[in-house]
Amino acid sequence: MGGYLQTYGAGDERRHRIIKWIVLGCIAALIIVWILYLIFHNYSEKQTVNRFLAQVNAHKYQQAYTDWGCSEAKPCRNYDYQRFLEDWGPDKKITSPWQIASIDGCKTFVTVNVKAGGAELQSLGVQRGTDTIMYAPAPECQEPQWHWKAFFHRIFGGGKVG
């Protein structure tokens, strides 16, 4: 006689458990996708600047100038090869290799700040889609945006972001 009510509610309990796992799985998937987006959103632009800096650090200025989107045969209108060498060439007295200091993504381009010992911070812009390098108008993106890295650093890092 007791067998009739023993399984009462077991289906509802199982259904609630399945729904709970589906909801938690969807939330976890959204968080993972969001984190991957934040990590890889500016990936190709960062690789472009890394390649450019590797060429400058290896004193391969012709290739670096080509990565800038110019060449000696077809120099950029306002940035000829001689001026490029003044900014990045061997006459620049640096004490350590060029490296990326920070990255800030805008809608149409990515601002990449680079530094080297003995030189002032340079703000480069990399055009999205074409990966063309140029000088950025400012060290940070001027568009209104949410600064995730600074937000989490203030919460978990306990201080001002440099």
N, C-alpha and C. Protein backbone atom coordinates (compact mmCIF):
# COMPACT_ATOMS: atom_id res chain seq x y z
N MET A 1 0.80 -1.20 0.00
CA MET A 1 0.00 0.00 0.00
C MET A 1 0.84 1.26 0.00
N GLY A 2 1.99 1.23 0.69
CA GLY A 2 2.83 2.41 0.80
C GLY A 2 3.53 2.75 -0.50
N GLY A 3 3.54 1.87 -1.48
CA GLY A 3 4.26 2.07 -2.73
C GLY A 3 3.66 3.18 -3.59
N TYR A 4 2.40 3.45 -3.39
CA TYR A 4 1.73 4.45 -4.22
C TYR A 4 2.27 5.86 -3.95
N LEU A 5 2.50 6.24 -2.72
CA LEU A 5 2.93 7.60 -2.39
C LEU A 5 4.44 7.74 -2.23
N GLN A 6 5.20 6.66 -2.34
CA GLN A 6 6.64 6.74 -2.16
C GLN A 6 7.31 7.59 -3.23
N THR A 7 6.84 7.57 -4.43
CA THR A 7 7.46 8.31 -5.54
C THR A 7 6.78 9.65 -5.79
N TYR A 8 5.88 10.04 -4.92
CA TYR A 8 5.19 11.32 -5.11
C TYR A 8 6.18 12.48 -4.96
N GLY A 9 6.27 13.34 -5.94
CA GLY A 9 7.15 14.51 -5.92
C GLY A 9 8.55 14.24 -6.44
N ALA A 10 8.90 12.99 -6.70
CA ALA A 10 10.25 12.67 -7.18
C ALA A 10 10.49 13.27 -8.57
N GLY A 11 9.51 13.30 -9.41
CA GLY A 11 9.65 13.88 -10.75
C GLY A 11 9.87 15.38 -10.68
N ASP A 12 9.14 16.06 -9.79
CA ASP A 12 9.31 17.50 -9.63
C ASP A 12 10.70 17.83 -9.11
N GLU A 13 11.17 17.05 -8.15
CA GLU A 13 12.49 17.29 -7.58
C GLU A 13 13.58 17.11 -8.64
N ARG A 14 13.44 16.07 -9.43
CA ARG A 14 14.41 15.81 -10.49
C ARG A 14 14.37 16.93 -11.54
N ARG A 15 13.18 17.37 -11.92
CA ARG A 15 13.02 18.44 -12.90
C ARG A 15 13.65 19.74 -12.38
N HIS A 16 13.44 20.08 -11.11
CA HIS A 16 14.03 21.29 -10.53
C HIS A 16 15.56 21.20 -10.52
N ARG A 17 16.09 20.02 -10.24
CA ARG A 17 17.54 19.83 -10.23
C ARG A 17 18.11 20.01 -11.65
N ILE A 18 17.42 19.48 -12.65
CA ILE A 18 17.87 19.62 -14.04
C ILE A 18 17.82 21.08 -14.47
N ILE A 19 16.74 21.77 -14.14
CA ILE A 19 16.60 23.19 -14.49
C ILE A 19 17.71 24.01 -13.82
N LYS A 20 17.98 23.70 -12.55
CA LYS A 20 19.03 24.42 -11.82
C LYS A 20 20.39 24.22 -12.51
N TRP A 21 20.72 23.01 -12.93
CA TRP A 21 22.00 22.74 -13.58
C TRP A 21 22.07 23.40 -14.96
N ILE A 22 20.95 23.46 -15.66
CA ILE A 22 20.93 24.13 -16.96
C ILE A 22 21.18 25.63 -16.79
N VAL A 23 20.51 26.24 -15.82
CA VAL A 23 20.69 27.67 -15.57
C VAL A 23 22.14 27.96 -15.14
N LEU A 24 22.67 27.17 -14.22
CA LEU A 24 24.05 27.37 -13.77
C LEU A 24 25.04 27.14 -14.92
N GLY A 25 24.78 26.16 -15.76
CA GLY A 25 25.64 25.91 -16.92
C GLY A 25 25.62 27.08 -17.90
N CYS A 26 24.44 27.65 -18.14
CA CYS A 26 24.34 28.81 -19.03
C CYS A 26 25.07 30.01 -18.46
N ILE A 27 24.93 30.25 -17.17
CA ILE A 27 25.63 31.37 -16.52
C ILE A 27 27.14 31.15 -16.61
N ALA A 28 27.61 29.93 -16.33
CA ALA A 28 29.04 29.63 -16.42
C ALA A 28 29.55 29.82 -17.85
N ALA A 29 28.77 29.37 -18.83
CA ALA A 29 29.17 29.53 -20.23
C ALA A 29 29.26 31.01 -20.61
N LEU A 30 28.31 31.83 -20.16
CA LEU A 30 28.34 33.26 -20.45
C LEU A 30 29.56 33.92 -19.80
N ILE A 31 29.89 33.53 -18.59
CA ILE A 31 31.06 34.09 -17.91
C ILE A 31 32.34 33.71 -18.65
N ILE A 32 32.44 32.47 -19.08
CA ILE A 32 33.62 32.02 -19.82
C ILE A 32 33.75 32.75 -21.16
N VAL A 33 32.64 32.91 -21.87
CA VAL A 33 32.65 33.63 -23.14
C VAL A 33 33.06 35.08 -22.92
N TRP A 34 32.57 35.72 -21.87
CA TRP A 34 32.91 37.11 -21.55
C TRP A 34 34.40 37.24 -21.25
N ILE A 35 34.95 36.33 -20.46
CA ILE A 35 36.37 36.37 -20.12
C ILE A 35 37.22 36.16 -21.37
N LEU A 36 36.85 35.20 -22.21
CA LEU A 36 37.59 34.97 -23.45
C LEU A 36 37.52 36.19 -24.37
N TYR A 37 36.38 36.84 -24.42
CA TYR A 37 36.25 38.07 -25.21
C TYR A 37 37.21 39.14 -24.70
N LEU A 38 37.26 39.33 -23.38
CA LEU A 38 38.15 40.34 -22.82
C LEU A 38 39.62 40.01 -23.08
N ILE A 39 39.95 38.74 -23.08
CA ILE A 39 41.34 38.34 -23.30
C ILE A 39 41.73 38.46 -24.77
N PHE A 40 40.88 38.01 -25.67
CA PHE A 40 41.25 37.91 -27.08
C PHE A 40 40.70 39.01 -27.97
N HIS A 41 39.99 39.98 -27.41
CA HIS A 41 39.38 41.03 -28.23
C HIS A 41 40.43 41.84 -29.00
N ASN A 42 41.54 42.15 -28.38
CA ASN A 42 42.60 42.94 -29.02
C ASN A 42 43.81 42.08 -29.39
N TYR A 43 43.63 40.79 -29.52
CA TYR A 43 44.74 39.87 -29.70
C TYR A 43 45.54 40.13 -30.99
N SER A 44 44.88 40.26 -32.12
CA SER A 44 45.61 40.44 -33.39
C SER A 44 46.35 41.77 -33.41
N GLU A 45 45.75 42.80 -32.84
CA GLU A 45 46.41 44.11 -32.79
C GLU A 45 47.64 44.05 -31.88
N LYS A 46 47.53 43.32 -30.78
CA LYS A 46 48.67 43.17 -29.87
C LYS A 46 49.79 42.41 -30.57
N GLN A 47 49.44 41.38 -31.33
CA GLN A 47 50.45 40.61 -32.06
C GLN A 47 51.13 41.47 -33.13
N THR A 48 50.38 42.36 -33.76
CA THR A 48 50.95 43.27 -34.76
C THR A 48 52.01 44.15 -34.12
N VAL A 49 51.70 44.72 -32.96
CA VAL A 49 52.66 45.58 -32.26
C VAL A 49 53.84 44.75 -31.75
N ASN A 50 53.59 43.54 -31.26
CA ASN A 50 54.69 42.69 -30.82
C ASN A 50 55.66 42.40 -31.97
N ARG A 51 55.11 42.13 -33.16
CA ARG A 51 55.96 41.87 -34.33
C ARG A 51 56.75 43.13 -34.70
N PHE A 52 56.09 44.28 -34.67
CA PHE A 52 56.75 45.56 -34.97
C PHE A 52 57.88 45.83 -33.98
N LEU A 53 57.61 45.65 -32.69
CA LEU A 53 58.63 45.90 -31.67
C LEU A 53 59.78 44.90 -31.77
N ALA A 54 59.47 43.67 -32.12
CA ALA A 54 60.54 42.67 -32.29
C ALA A 54 61.46 43.08 -33.43
N GLN A 55 60.90 43.63 -34.51
CA GLN A 55 61.72 44.07 -35.63
C GLN A 55 62.55 45.30 -35.26
N VAL A 56 61.95 46.23 -34.52
CA VAL A 56 62.69 47.41 -34.08
C VAL A 56 63.81 47.00 -33.13
N ASN A 57 63.51 46.11 -32.18
CA ASN A 57 64.52 45.65 -31.22
C ASN A 57 65.65 44.87 -31.91
N ALA A 58 65.34 44.19 -33.03
CA ALA A 58 66.34 43.44 -33.80
C ALA A 58 67.03 44.32 -34.84
N HIS A 59 66.72 45.62 -34.85
CA HIS A 59 67.30 46.60 -35.79
C HIS A 59 66.96 46.27 -37.24
N LYS A 60 65.79 45.70 -37.47
CA LYS A 60 65.28 45.44 -38.83
C LYS A 60 64.29 46.55 -39.17
N TYR A 61 64.85 47.75 -39.40
CA TYR A 61 64.01 48.93 -39.55
C TYR A 61 63.22 48.95 -40.84
N GLN A 62 63.75 48.35 -41.92
CA GLN A 62 63.00 48.29 -43.18
C GLN A 62 61.70 47.50 -42.99
N GLN A 63 61.80 46.34 -42.34
CA GLN A 63 60.61 45.52 -42.11
C GLN A 63 59.65 46.22 -41.16
N ALA A 64 60.18 46.88 -40.14
CA ALA A 64 59.33 47.60 -39.20
C ALA A 64 58.59 48.73 -39.91
N TYR A 65 59.28 49.42 -40.81
CA TYR A 65 58.65 50.51 -41.56
C TYR A 65 57.56 49.96 -42.48
N THR A 66 57.78 48.76 -43.02
CA THR A 66 56.76 48.11 -43.84
C THR A 66 55.55 47.74 -42.98
N ASP A 67 55.78 47.25 -41.76
CA ASP A 67 54.66 46.96 -40.85
C ASP A 67 53.89 48.23 -40.49
N TRP A 68 54.56 49.36 -40.54
CA TRP A 68 53.91 50.64 -40.25
C TRP A 68 52.94 50.98 -41.39
N GLY A 69 53.10 50.30 -42.53
CA GLY A 69 52.21 50.54 -43.66
C GLY A 69 52.88 51.38 -44.74
N CYS A 70 54.20 51.53 -44.63
CA CYS A 70 54.94 52.34 -45.58
C CYS A 70 56.11 51.52 -46.12
N SER A 71 56.78 52.06 -47.12
CA SER A 71 58.00 51.44 -47.63
C SER A 71 58.88 52.56 -48.18
N GLU A 72 60.15 52.24 -48.43
CA GLU A 72 61.02 53.28 -48.99
C GLU A 72 60.57 53.65 -50.40
N ALA A 73 60.06 52.67 -51.13
CA ALA A 73 59.58 52.94 -52.49
C ALA A 73 58.31 53.79 -52.46
N LYS A 74 57.46 53.53 -51.49
CA LYS A 74 56.21 54.29 -51.36
C LYS A 74 56.06 54.76 -49.90
N PRO A 75 56.79 55.84 -49.55
CA PRO A 75 56.76 56.30 -48.16
C PRO A 75 55.40 56.91 -47.80
N CYS A 76 55.12 56.91 -46.53
CA CYS A 76 53.90 57.56 -46.06
C CYS A 76 54.02 59.06 -46.29
N ARG A 77 52.91 59.70 -46.52
CA ARG A 77 52.90 61.11 -46.91
C ARG A 77 53.59 61.99 -45.87
N ASN A 78 53.27 61.85 -44.62
CA ASN A 78 53.83 62.71 -43.59
C ASN A 78 54.82 61.98 -42.68
N TYR A 79 55.27 60.80 -43.09
CA TYR A 79 56.16 60.03 -42.23
C TYR A 79 57.11 59.21 -43.10
N ASP A 80 58.14 59.90 -43.62
CA ASP A 80 59.10 59.21 -44.48
C ASP A 80 60.05 58.35 -43.65
N TYR A 81 60.84 57.56 -44.34
CA TYR A 81 61.72 56.59 -43.68
C TYR A 81 62.74 57.28 -42.78
N GLN A 82 63.24 58.44 -43.18
CA GLN A 82 64.22 59.16 -42.37
C GLN A 82 63.62 59.59 -41.03
N ARG A 83 62.40 60.07 -41.07
CA ARG A 83 61.72 60.46 -39.82
C ARG A 83 61.42 59.23 -38.97
N PHE A 84 61.06 58.12 -39.62
CA PHE A 84 60.84 56.87 -38.90
C PHE A 84 62.11 56.46 -38.16
N LEU A 85 63.27 56.56 -38.83
CA LEU A 85 64.53 56.22 -38.18
C LEU A 85 64.86 57.15 -37.02
N GLU A 86 64.46 58.41 -37.13
CA GLU A 86 64.67 59.33 -36.00
C GLU A 86 63.87 58.90 -34.79
N ASP A 87 62.65 58.38 -35.03
CA ASP A 87 61.78 57.98 -33.92
C ASP A 87 62.12 56.60 -33.37
N TRP A 88 62.53 55.68 -34.24
CA TRP A 88 62.70 54.28 -33.83
C TRP A 88 64.09 53.72 -34.09
N GLY A 89 64.94 54.44 -34.80
CA GLY A 89 66.20 53.90 -35.28
C GLY A 89 67.32 53.82 -34.26
N PRO A 90 68.52 53.54 -34.74
CA PRO A 90 69.67 53.30 -33.87
C PRO A 90 70.15 54.55 -33.13
N ASP A 91 69.81 55.74 -33.62
CA ASP A 91 70.23 56.96 -32.94
C ASP A 91 69.46 57.20 -31.64
N LYS A 92 68.35 56.52 -31.49
CA LYS A 92 67.55 56.62 -30.27
C LYS A 92 68.30 55.86 -29.18
N LYS A 93 68.76 56.55 -28.18
CA LYS A 93 69.57 55.93 -27.11
C LYS A 93 68.64 55.32 -26.07
N ILE A 94 68.39 54.02 -26.23
CA ILE A 94 67.55 53.32 -25.26
C ILE A 94 68.41 52.31 -24.49
N THR A 95 68.02 52.07 -23.26
CA THR A 95 68.80 51.16 -22.41
C THR A 95 68.17 49.79 -22.27
N SER A 96 66.94 49.63 -22.70
CA SER A 96 66.28 48.32 -22.68
C SER A 96 65.40 48.22 -23.92
N PRO A 97 65.03 47.01 -24.32
CA PRO A 97 64.22 46.86 -25.54
C PRO A 97 62.81 47.43 -25.37
N TRP A 98 62.22 47.76 -26.50
CA TRP A 98 60.83 48.24 -26.51
C TRP A 98 59.91 47.10 -26.09
N GLN A 99 58.90 47.43 -25.31
CA GLN A 99 57.90 46.45 -24.90
C GLN A 99 56.56 47.13 -24.68
N ILE A 100 55.51 46.34 -24.67
CA ILE A 100 54.16 46.87 -24.49
C ILE A 100 53.95 47.20 -23.02
N ALA A 101 53.46 48.40 -22.76
CA ALA A 101 53.18 48.84 -21.39
C ALA A 101 51.70 48.66 -21.06
N SER A 102 50.82 49.02 -22.00
CA SER A 102 49.38 48.88 -21.76
C SER A 102 48.64 48.87 -23.09
N ILE A 103 47.41 48.37 -23.04
CA ILE A 103 46.56 48.28 -24.23
C ILE A 103 45.18 48.79 -23.86
N ASP A 104 44.60 49.58 -24.76
CA ASP A 104 43.25 50.09 -24.54
C ASP A 104 42.50 50.03 -25.87
N GLY A 105 41.41 49.29 -25.92
CA GLY A 105 40.68 49.09 -27.16
C GLY A 105 39.59 50.11 -27.38
N CYS A 106 39.59 50.71 -28.54
CA CYS A 106 38.52 51.60 -28.98
C CYS A 106 37.69 50.86 -30.03
N LYS A 107 36.69 51.52 -30.58
CA LYS A 107 35.85 50.86 -31.58
C LYS A 107 36.58 50.62 -32.89
N THR A 108 37.31 51.62 -33.39
CA THR A 108 37.94 51.50 -34.70
C THR A 108 39.43 51.18 -34.64
N PHE A 109 40.05 51.41 -33.49
CA PHE A 109 41.47 51.09 -33.36
C PHE A 109 41.79 50.74 -31.92
N VAL A 110 42.99 50.21 -31.73
CA VAL A 110 43.47 49.83 -30.41
C VAL A 110 44.67 50.69 -30.08
N THR A 111 44.66 51.32 -28.92
CA THR A 111 45.80 52.11 -28.46
C THR A 111 46.73 51.19 -27.69
N VAL A 112 47.98 51.12 -28.14
CA VAL A 112 48.99 50.30 -27.48
C VAL A 112 50.13 51.23 -27.06
N ASN A 113 50.34 51.35 -25.76
CA ASN A 113 51.43 52.17 -25.24
C ASN A 113 52.67 51.29 -25.11
N VAL A 114 53.78 51.76 -25.69
CA VAL A 114 55.03 51.01 -25.64
C VAL A 114 56.08 51.86 -24.94
N LYS A 115 57.02 51.17 -24.31
CA LYS A 115 58.07 51.89 -23.59
C LYS A 115 59.39 51.14 -23.72
N ALA A 116 60.45 51.90 -23.53
CA ALA A 116 61.81 51.35 -23.49
C ALA A 116 62.60 52.21 -22.52
N GLY A 117 63.60 51.62 -21.91
CA GLY A 117 64.42 52.38 -21.00
C GLY A 117 65.15 53.50 -21.73
N GLY A 118 65.09 54.71 -21.19
CA GLY A 118 65.74 55.85 -21.81
C GLY A 118 64.91 56.55 -22.85
N ALA A 119 63.68 56.12 -23.06
CA ALA A 119 62.80 56.76 -24.05
C ALA A 119 61.45 57.02 -23.39
N GLU A 120 60.78 58.01 -23.90
CA GLU A 120 59.46 58.31 -23.34
C GLU A 120 58.41 57.36 -23.91
N LEU A 121 57.32 57.24 -23.21
CA LEU A 121 56.22 56.36 -23.61
C LEU A 121 55.69 56.79 -24.97
N GLN A 122 55.51 55.82 -25.86
CA GLN A 122 54.95 56.07 -27.19
C GLN A 122 53.58 55.42 -27.28
N SER A 123 52.61 56.15 -27.77
CA SER A 123 51.26 55.61 -27.94
C SER A 123 51.05 55.28 -29.41
N LEU A 124 50.89 53.99 -29.68
CA LEU A 124 50.64 53.54 -31.04
C LEU A 124 49.18 53.17 -31.19
N GLY A 125 48.65 53.38 -32.36
CA GLY A 125 47.30 52.96 -32.68
C GLY A 125 47.36 51.89 -33.75
N VAL A 126 46.57 50.84 -33.58
CA VAL A 126 46.50 49.78 -34.58
C VAL A 126 45.06 49.73 -35.08
N GLN A 127 44.91 49.97 -36.37
CA GLN A 127 43.59 49.99 -37.00
C GLN A 127 42.98 48.59 -36.96
N ARG A 128 41.76 48.49 -36.48
CA ARG A 128 41.08 47.18 -36.45
C ARG A 128 40.80 46.72 -37.88
N GLY A 129 40.98 45.43 -38.10
CA GLY A 129 40.70 44.85 -39.41
C GLY A 129 41.88 44.88 -40.35
N THR A 130 42.60 46.00 -40.43
CA THR A 130 43.73 46.10 -41.34
C THR A 130 45.06 45.92 -40.63
N ASP A 131 45.08 46.05 -39.31
CA ASP A 131 46.29 45.95 -38.49
C ASP A 131 47.37 46.93 -38.95
N THR A 132 46.96 48.12 -39.38
CA THR A 132 47.88 49.18 -39.75
C THR A 132 48.31 49.93 -38.50
N ILE A 133 49.61 50.15 -38.37
CA ILE A 133 50.13 50.86 -37.20
C ILE A 133 50.23 52.34 -37.51
N MET A 134 49.95 53.17 -36.50
CA MET A 134 50.04 54.62 -36.61
C MET A 134 50.30 55.16 -35.21
N TYR A 135 50.54 56.44 -35.10
CA TYR A 135 50.59 57.05 -33.77
C TYR A 135 49.16 57.28 -33.29
N ALA A 136 48.92 56.95 -32.03
CA ALA A 136 47.59 57.12 -31.46
C ALA A 136 47.40 58.58 -31.05
N PRO A 137 46.17 59.07 -31.11
CA PRO A 137 45.92 60.46 -30.73
C PRO A 137 46.09 60.71 -29.22
N ALA A 138 45.97 59.68 -28.41
CA ALA A 138 46.10 59.83 -26.96
C ALA A 138 46.53 58.49 -26.37
N PRO A 139 47.10 58.50 -25.15
CA PRO A 139 47.52 57.24 -24.54
C PRO A 139 46.37 56.33 -24.14
N GLU A 140 45.18 56.87 -24.05
CA GLU A 140 44.00 56.07 -23.73
C GLU A 140 42.91 56.36 -24.74
N CYS A 141 42.01 55.42 -24.88
CA CYS A 141 40.87 55.60 -25.76
C CYS A 141 40.01 56.75 -25.22
N GLN A 142 39.61 57.64 -26.08
CA GLN A 142 38.82 58.80 -25.66
C GLN A 142 37.31 58.55 -25.73
N GLU A 143 36.92 57.38 -26.20
CA GLU A 143 35.50 57.04 -26.27
C GLU A 143 35.02 56.62 -24.88
N PRO A 144 33.75 56.88 -24.57
CA PRO A 144 33.24 56.38 -23.28
C PRO A 144 33.18 54.86 -23.30
N GLN A 145 33.75 54.25 -22.29
CA GLN A 145 33.78 52.79 -22.22
C GLN A 145 33.96 52.36 -20.78
N TRP A 146 33.73 51.09 -20.55
CA TRP A 146 33.89 50.51 -19.23
C TRP A 146 35.31 49.97 -19.13
N HIS A 147 36.06 50.37 -18.13
CA HIS A 147 37.43 49.92 -17.94
C HIS A 147 37.43 48.73 -16.99
N TRP A 148 37.30 47.52 -17.55
CA TRP A 148 37.18 46.30 -16.76
C TRP A 148 38.40 46.04 -15.91
N LYS A 149 39.57 46.20 -16.51
CA LYS A 149 40.80 45.90 -15.79
C LYS A 149 40.94 46.80 -14.57
N ALA A 150 40.69 48.08 -14.75
CA ALA A 150 40.77 49.02 -13.62
C ALA A 150 39.71 48.71 -12.57
N PHE A 151 38.52 48.33 -13.02
CA PHE A 151 37.44 47.99 -12.10
C PHE A 151 37.83 46.82 -11.20
N PHE A 152 38.32 45.73 -11.81
CA PHE A 152 38.69 44.56 -11.01
C PHE A 152 39.94 44.80 -10.18
N HIS A 153 40.84 45.65 -10.69
CA HIS A 153 42.03 45.95 -9.91
C HIS A 153 41.66 46.73 -8.65
N ARG A 154 40.73 47.63 -8.78
CA ARG A 154 40.30 48.41 -7.60
C ARG A 154 39.58 47.51 -6.59
N ILE A 155 38.82 46.55 -7.10
CA ILE A 155 38.08 45.66 -6.18
C ILE A 155 39.05 44.68 -5.52
N PHE A 156 39.85 43.99 -6.31
CA PHE A 156 40.68 42.91 -5.77
C PHE A 156 42.13 43.33 -5.54
N GLY A 157 42.61 44.34 -6.25
CA GLY A 157 44.01 44.75 -6.13
C GLY A 157 44.22 45.80 -5.08
N GLY A 158 43.15 46.47 -4.69
CA GLY A 158 43.23 47.44 -3.60
C GLY A 158 44.04 48.66 -3.91
N GLY A 159 43.71 49.36 -4.94
CA GLY A 159 44.44 50.60 -5.20
C GLY A 159 44.18 51.14 -6.58
N LYS A 160 44.93 52.15 -6.87
CA LYS A 160 44.80 52.83 -8.15
C LYS A 160 45.60 52.08 -9.22
N VAL A 161 45.03 52.01 -10.41
CA VAL A 161 45.71 51.37 -11.53
C VAL A 161 46.68 52.36 -12.14
N GLY A 162 47.89 51.89 -12.41
CA GLY A 162 48.92 52.79 -12.98
C GLY A 162 48.92 52.82 -14.39
